[in-house]
Every structure is written in C-alpha cells, then in structure tokens.
Protein backbone atom coordinates (compact mmCIF):
# COMPACT_ATOMS: atom_id res chain seq x y z
CA MET A 1 147.45 -79.44 158.61
CA LEU A 2 150.61 -77.47 159.21
CA THR A 3 151.67 -75.43 156.20
CA SER A 4 155.23 -76.28 155.14
CA CYS A 5 156.42 -72.73 155.24
CA LEU A 6 155.50 -72.25 158.90
CA PRO A 7 158.15 -72.43 161.63
CA PRO A 8 158.24 -75.36 164.07
CA ILE A 9 155.57 -75.08 166.79
CA ALA A 10 156.40 -76.93 169.97
CA ALA A 11 155.94 -76.99 173.71
CA VAL A 12 158.68 -75.92 176.01
CA ALA A 13 159.10 -75.55 179.75
CA ILE A 14 158.01 -71.97 180.76
CA ASP A 15 161.15 -71.72 182.96
CA ASP A 16 163.33 -72.12 179.91
CA LEU A 17 162.15 -68.97 178.15
CA ARG A 18 164.15 -65.77 178.42
CA PRO A 19 162.48 -62.39 178.10
CA HIS A 20 164.57 -59.48 176.91
CA GLU A 21 162.04 -56.78 177.90
CA GLU A 22 160.37 -55.84 181.18
CA TYR A 23 156.53 -55.83 181.61
CA ASP A 24 154.12 -53.09 182.25
CA ARG A 25 151.75 -53.78 185.24
CA LYS A 26 148.69 -52.38 183.49
CA ILE A 27 149.31 -54.35 180.22
CA LEU A 28 150.05 -57.43 182.20
CA TYR A 29 146.81 -57.19 184.18
CA GLU A 30 144.85 -56.79 180.92
CA VAL A 31 146.60 -59.77 179.21
CA ALA A 32 146.16 -61.91 182.28
CA LEU A 33 142.49 -60.89 182.54
CA SER A 34 141.89 -61.80 178.80
CA LEU A 35 143.69 -65.23 179.27
CA GLN A 36 141.65 -66.07 182.30
CA THR A 37 138.36 -64.96 180.68
CA GLU A 38 138.89 -66.79 177.38
CA ARG A 39 140.77 -69.75 178.98
CA MET A 40 142.94 -70.13 175.88
CA VAL A 41 146.13 -68.93 174.29
CA ARG A 42 145.40 -67.73 170.81
CA ASP A 43 148.94 -67.32 169.51
CA PRO A 44 152.26 -69.11 170.28
CA ILE A 45 155.07 -67.08 171.80
CA ILE A 46 157.71 -66.22 169.25
CA VAL A 47 161.24 -67.33 170.23
CA ASP A 48 164.74 -67.75 168.99
CA ALA A 49 165.16 -71.52 168.43
CA SER A 50 168.71 -71.74 169.81
CA SER A 51 168.52 -69.62 172.92
CA LEU A 52 164.70 -69.56 173.57
CA VAL A 53 164.81 -65.75 173.91
CA ILE A 54 161.36 -64.23 173.53
CA LEU A 55 160.97 -62.18 170.43
CA ASP A 56 157.22 -61.48 170.64
CA GLY A 57 154.82 -62.32 173.44
CA THR A 58 156.54 -60.95 176.54
CA HIS A 59 153.37 -60.07 178.38
CA ARG A 60 151.76 -63.36 177.62
CA TYR A 61 154.91 -65.07 179.06
CA TRP A 62 154.71 -63.15 182.39
CA ALA A 63 150.94 -63.57 182.62
CA LEU A 64 151.17 -67.29 181.99
CA ARG A 65 153.99 -67.59 184.69
CA ARG A 66 151.81 -65.86 187.21
CA MET A 67 148.89 -68.24 186.32
CA GLY A 68 151.17 -71.12 187.33
CA CYS A 69 151.50 -72.67 183.74
CA VAL A 70 154.29 -75.22 183.43
CA SER A 71 154.58 -75.26 179.70
CA VAL A 72 154.01 -72.85 176.83
CA PRO A 73 153.41 -73.13 173.05
CA VAL A 74 156.17 -71.43 170.96
CA ALA A 75 157.02 -70.88 167.34
CA MET A 76 160.63 -71.21 166.73
CA TYR A 77 162.73 -69.00 164.43
CA ASP A 78 166.42 -68.71 163.45
CA TYR A 79 167.06 -65.25 164.95
CA ALA A 80 170.43 -65.01 163.01
CA SER A 81 168.57 -65.30 159.68
CA ASN A 82 167.19 -62.47 157.50
CA SER A 83 163.73 -63.94 157.99
CA VAL A 84 163.56 -62.16 161.35
CA GLY A 85 163.80 -58.34 161.28
CA ILE A 86 164.17 -55.97 164.18
CA ALA A 87 162.76 -52.41 164.43
CA ARG A 88 161.65 -49.91 167.09
CA TRP A 89 158.46 -48.62 168.57
CA ASN A 90 158.13 -44.91 168.44
CA ARG A 91 156.26 -43.03 171.19
CA CYS A 92 153.52 -40.67 170.10
CA ILE A 93 152.95 -37.90 172.59
CA ALA A 94 149.66 -36.03 172.81
CA SER A 95 151.15 -32.95 174.42
CA SER A 96 152.63 -29.78 173.14
CA ALA A 97 155.20 -29.62 176.10
CA ILE A 98 158.25 -31.81 176.50
CA PHE A 99 159.98 -32.21 179.94
CA LEU A 100 163.57 -33.50 179.72
CA PRO A 101 164.89 -35.62 182.43
CA ASN A 102 167.36 -34.09 184.95
CA ARG A 103 170.57 -35.77 183.80
CA ALA A 104 173.74 -34.89 181.88
CA ILE A 105 172.38 -34.43 178.34
CA ARG A 106 172.90 -31.98 175.55
CA VAL A 107 169.95 -30.83 173.37
CA GLU A 108 170.50 -29.82 169.78
CA TYR A 109 167.83 -28.55 167.37
CA SER A 110 167.40 -30.12 163.99
CA ASN A 111 165.02 -31.13 161.28
CA ALA A 112 163.18 -34.40 161.09
CA GLY A 113 165.43 -36.00 158.53
CA GLU A 114 168.64 -35.07 160.38
CA ALA A 115 167.15 -36.21 163.64
CA LEU A 116 166.20 -39.64 162.33
CA ALA A 117 169.76 -40.05 160.77
CA ALA A 118 171.41 -39.09 164.06
CA VAL A 119 169.41 -41.65 166.09
CA THR A 120 170.02 -44.32 163.37
CA ASP A 121 173.78 -43.68 163.43
CA ARG A 122 173.68 -43.64 167.22
CA ARG A 123 175.10 -40.15 167.34
CA ALA A 124 172.12 -39.19 169.56
CA SER A 125 170.33 -41.25 172.29
CA LEU A 126 166.81 -39.95 171.32
CA ALA A 127 165.10 -37.80 168.77
CA LEU A 128 162.06 -35.61 169.50
CA ILE A 129 160.27 -34.87 166.23
CA GLY A 130 157.44 -32.32 165.95
CA LEU A 131 155.78 -30.47 163.00
CA SER A 132 157.49 -27.22 163.98
CA GLY A 133 160.99 -28.65 164.60
CA SER A 134 163.03 -31.54 166.07
CA GLN A 135 165.36 -31.93 168.93
CA LEU A 136 168.29 -34.31 169.43
CA VAL A 137 169.05 -35.49 173.01
CA ILE A 138 172.69 -36.40 173.21
CA GLU A 139 174.53 -38.09 176.13
CA GLU A 140 178.32 -37.77 176.69
CA ALA A 141 178.87 -41.31 175.33
CA PHE A 142 176.21 -43.49 173.63
CA GLU A 143 175.20 -46.74 175.36
CA ILE A 144 172.07 -48.53 174.25
CA HIS A 145 170.75 -49.39 177.86
CA SER A 146 171.42 -45.74 178.90
CA ALA A 147 169.47 -44.59 175.76
CA TYR A 148 166.47 -46.63 176.69
CA SER A 149 166.77 -45.67 180.40
CA LEU A 150 166.58 -42.04 179.26
CA LEU A 151 163.54 -42.92 177.16
CA GLY A 152 161.89 -44.58 180.09
CA GLU A 153 162.56 -41.62 182.43
CA LEU A 154 161.09 -39.18 179.79
CA GLU A 155 158.03 -41.36 179.33
CA ALA A 156 157.35 -41.70 183.00
CA GLN A 157 157.58 -37.92 183.55
CA LEU A 158 155.15 -37.24 180.70
CA ARG A 159 152.77 -39.78 182.06
CA ALA A 160 153.07 -38.35 185.55
CA LYS A 161 152.01 -34.92 184.11
CA GLY A 162 148.99 -36.48 182.41
CA CYS A 163 150.40 -36.61 178.93
CA GLY A 164 148.89 -39.23 176.68
CA ILE A 165 151.52 -41.65 175.20
CA SER A 166 150.95 -44.41 172.64
CA TYR A 167 153.19 -46.80 170.74
CA ALA A 168 153.34 -46.87 166.92
CA THR A 169 155.38 -48.03 163.97
CA GLU A 170 157.59 -45.58 162.07
CA GLU A 171 154.98 -45.14 159.37
CA ASP A 172 151.91 -44.84 161.66
CA SER A 173 153.74 -42.50 164.09
CA PHE A 174 154.34 -39.97 161.39
CA LEU A 175 150.74 -40.34 160.18
CA ARG A 176 149.57 -39.43 163.58
CA LEU A 177 151.94 -36.43 163.65
CA LYS A 178 150.64 -35.08 160.40
CA SER A 179 147.02 -35.64 161.38
CA GLY A 180 147.45 -33.79 164.69
CA GLU A 181 146.74 -36.85 166.73
CA ALA A 182 150.29 -36.57 168.10
CA SER A 183 152.19 -33.44 168.89
CA TRP A 184 155.54 -35.11 169.15
CA ILE A 185 157.20 -38.32 168.26
CA MET A 186 159.91 -39.75 170.45
CA VAL A 187 162.24 -41.94 168.36
CA PRO A 188 164.76 -44.16 170.11
CA PRO A 189 167.56 -46.03 168.41
CA VAL A 190 167.03 -49.50 167.00
CA ILE A 191 168.29 -52.29 169.32
CA LYS A 192 170.59 -54.74 167.57
CA LYS A 193 169.81 -58.48 167.59
CA GLU A 194 172.90 -59.20 169.64
CA GLU A 195 171.95 -56.50 172.15
CA ALA A 196 168.47 -58.13 172.58
CA LEU A 197 170.17 -61.51 173.11
CA GLU A 198 172.58 -60.11 175.66
CA ALA A 199 169.90 -58.43 177.62
CA ALA A 200 167.99 -61.71 177.96
CA LEU A 201 170.97 -63.75 178.84
CA SER A 202 172.35 -61.25 181.36
CA GLY A 203 168.94 -60.37 182.85
CA ARG A 204 169.58 -56.58 182.18
CA LEU A 205 166.23 -56.20 180.48
CA PHE A 206 165.09 -53.34 178.23
CA PRO A 207 161.89 -51.35 178.96
CA ILE A 208 158.58 -52.47 177.39
CA LYS A 209 158.05 -51.92 173.73
CA SER A 210 161.77 -51.50 173.03
CA THR A 211 161.97 -53.89 170.10
CA ARG A 212 159.54 -54.65 167.31
CA HIS A 213 160.36 -57.95 165.56
CA ILE A 214 159.03 -58.44 162.00
CA ILE A 215 158.52 -62.25 161.57
CA THR A 216 157.89 -64.07 158.33
CA HIS A 217 155.21 -66.78 158.13
CA ARG A 218 153.72 -65.93 161.64
CA PRO A 219 151.12 -68.41 162.85
CA ILE A 220 148.30 -67.07 164.84
CA ASN A 221 144.90 -68.11 166.20
CA LEU A 222 145.84 -71.70 167.33
CA ARG A 223 143.42 -71.33 170.33
CA ILE A 224 145.22 -73.63 172.82
CA PRO A 225 143.30 -74.29 176.12
CA ILE A 226 144.99 -72.90 179.15
CA GLU A 227 144.53 -76.21 181.13
CA TRP A 228 146.83 -77.89 178.56
CA LEU A 229 149.67 -75.51 179.81
CA MET A 230 149.56 -77.15 183.23
CA ASP A 231 150.91 -80.26 181.63
CA PRO A 232 154.72 -80.99 181.23
CA PRO A 233 156.15 -80.09 177.83
CA GLU A 234 156.12 -83.63 176.42
CA ILE A 235 152.43 -84.03 177.11
CA LEU A 236 151.55 -80.55 175.82
CA ASP A 237 153.72 -81.19 172.70
CA SER A 238 151.61 -84.33 171.89
CA LYS A 239 148.38 -82.32 172.23
CA LEU A 240 149.79 -79.52 170.08
CA HIS A 241 150.66 -81.99 167.29
CA ASP A 242 147.12 -83.31 167.41
CA LEU A 243 145.63 -79.92 167.38
CA LEU A 244 147.86 -78.65 164.44
CA SER A 245 146.88 -81.80 162.37
CA ARG A 246 143.23 -80.61 162.55
CA LEU A 247 143.88 -77.06 161.49
CA SER A 248 144.43 -75.43 158.14
CA PHE A 249 146.14 -72.11 157.79
CA ARG A 250 144.81 -69.21 155.86
CA ARG A 251 147.36 -66.72 154.54
CA VAL A 252 146.81 -63.02 155.00
CA GLY A 253 149.07 -60.47 153.35
CA ALA A 254 151.26 -58.00 155.08
CA GLY A 255 149.46 -54.88 156.49
CA ALA A 256 146.30 -56.77 157.48
CA ILE A 257 144.52 -55.99 160.77
CA VAL A 258 143.57 -59.06 162.72
CA ASP A 259 141.83 -58.79 166.12
CA GLY A 260 142.67 -55.16 166.36
CA ARG A 261 146.44 -55.57 165.59
CA ARG A 262 148.06 -54.56 162.35
CA TYR A 263 150.81 -56.93 161.18
CA GLU A 264 153.54 -55.68 158.91
CA GLU A 265 154.31 -59.18 157.80
CA GLU A 266 152.14 -61.89 156.29
CA VAL A 267 150.30 -64.05 158.77
CA TYR A 268 148.73 -67.49 158.75
CA ILE A 269 145.51 -67.78 160.55
CA GLY A 270 144.73 -71.20 162.09
CA GLU A 271 141.16 -72.48 161.21
CA PRO A 272 139.39 -75.78 161.72
CA SER A 273 139.96 -78.02 158.65
CA ASN A 274 136.92 -79.16 156.69
CA PRO A 275 135.91 -82.58 157.71
C-alpha cells in the first residue's frame, strides 16, 4: 500500500526524460552490469513532475536506454517546492600535489571559511581546501558552466597523474580531510535549480556528480523487473499500480545507510505486505 506522503510513482516513456548531467563510462558500465545481473530496477528515477528533468538516477537512465528499455518508473516531485533541496558534491583528493589547468585563472590564498564563502557567493569558481591552507581559483568572469568545466579539467588531470578522487557531501568531505583520508577538498559552487533545468532543456549538460538533490519522502527498493520496462508506459503503469498495492513502506530516518548509500533525507523502503 502506497503511503500517503510519498510522491506519485508512475511509468513514463524513457525518451521523455531529460538528464542535466553527463555520465561516466566506468560508472555506467558498473550500473548496467548490476541491472543486467539482478534483472530488476530497485529504485524509481527521481524527476521534476512538470519537465521530467532527472534529479537523481542519471546513470540508471543511461544504462536502461542502452538496454533498449521503452519505459521507466519515476517518482515525481515539484522541483519548485521547498521539498526538494539542491547541494553539491565535493571532490576529495588523496594527493598532496595539486595541478591547476592551463587556462586564464587567478589563484588567491585564503583560509577554509573564506574559501567556502567565496565559492558560495560566486566570487570564485572553485575552492581548494587543505589542512595547511586553502586556495581560491578565480576566472575573469564567473559563469557556472565554465566553473564546472574548470572542475572537470582539474579532475581529469589529477586522475591522469594517478591521484585518487572520491565524491562526498560537505560534512563527509571535511571528516575525510581531518582524518587524513583526503589531502585536499575541491569545492565547486552550488548549481541553482533554474540552471539545472536550463542544462537539461538546452542539452548543455553538467559533468557527473555536479548536483546533489535532497528529496523528502524518497521511495526505494521497489524491485521492478527489467522485462516490464520493455512494455509501453500505459502497460508498465498498470503493473506498477499492482506492485505498489502489494507493498508496505518502512520509514527510515535521515542519515541511514541503505545498501551502502548514506541518505541525508528520510527514505521509505518498499517491503512485501503481510498477507
């Protein structure tokens, strides 16, 4: 039975979805392999109800497209409402050396607090924060796509030199820095909702892990068979309705780790209802 606080869960044509981020080939391969092995989609893709812009589930979307799926299950949210928040993914760098891209930039030295404030206010395109000091990377004129292009260049250069890079929330990234797990944190500006929508509608996509959406009442663990996604939306929608009628949803508070992922928002885990 669908809990009343959950968003509408429905089937839509996969061609109608609009990503606002690119995909990573390695992550896409891993997601596709998992889907092909399990033969099910555990969680619906999170979308804006009015535009069908993808808020969470980009790699699942790309993987399902490549698998020839016709329809996909989505959870629909009002992106304009306060029930959906938007944040960033910080990059944690396991290297003491930083190599800046060869482009017209200015570097200023700062402390962590001032660096975070400058990126938040968009006075800088990027902040590099370390225990011994911080640096601001400033371009001649701020532009959000240029800032994330700069981030992508720096990330690619570091990976090419064998530096380990991982993605983390604000809180987790600073914990990794303090523990010594990371030597530096790269902090990009937060993308605005209207910028994410514009990217999706224009096709000028942001790099992977650019936005981190905080979704209230997130439904997970629906376990939808892959073969259902070969049906047109109206048939998949009927099957989804029947599946949801046989599930109950267990609420888990914010901060819980489910299947290796930590959720900053509360989630509702689908489980078979008692007969």
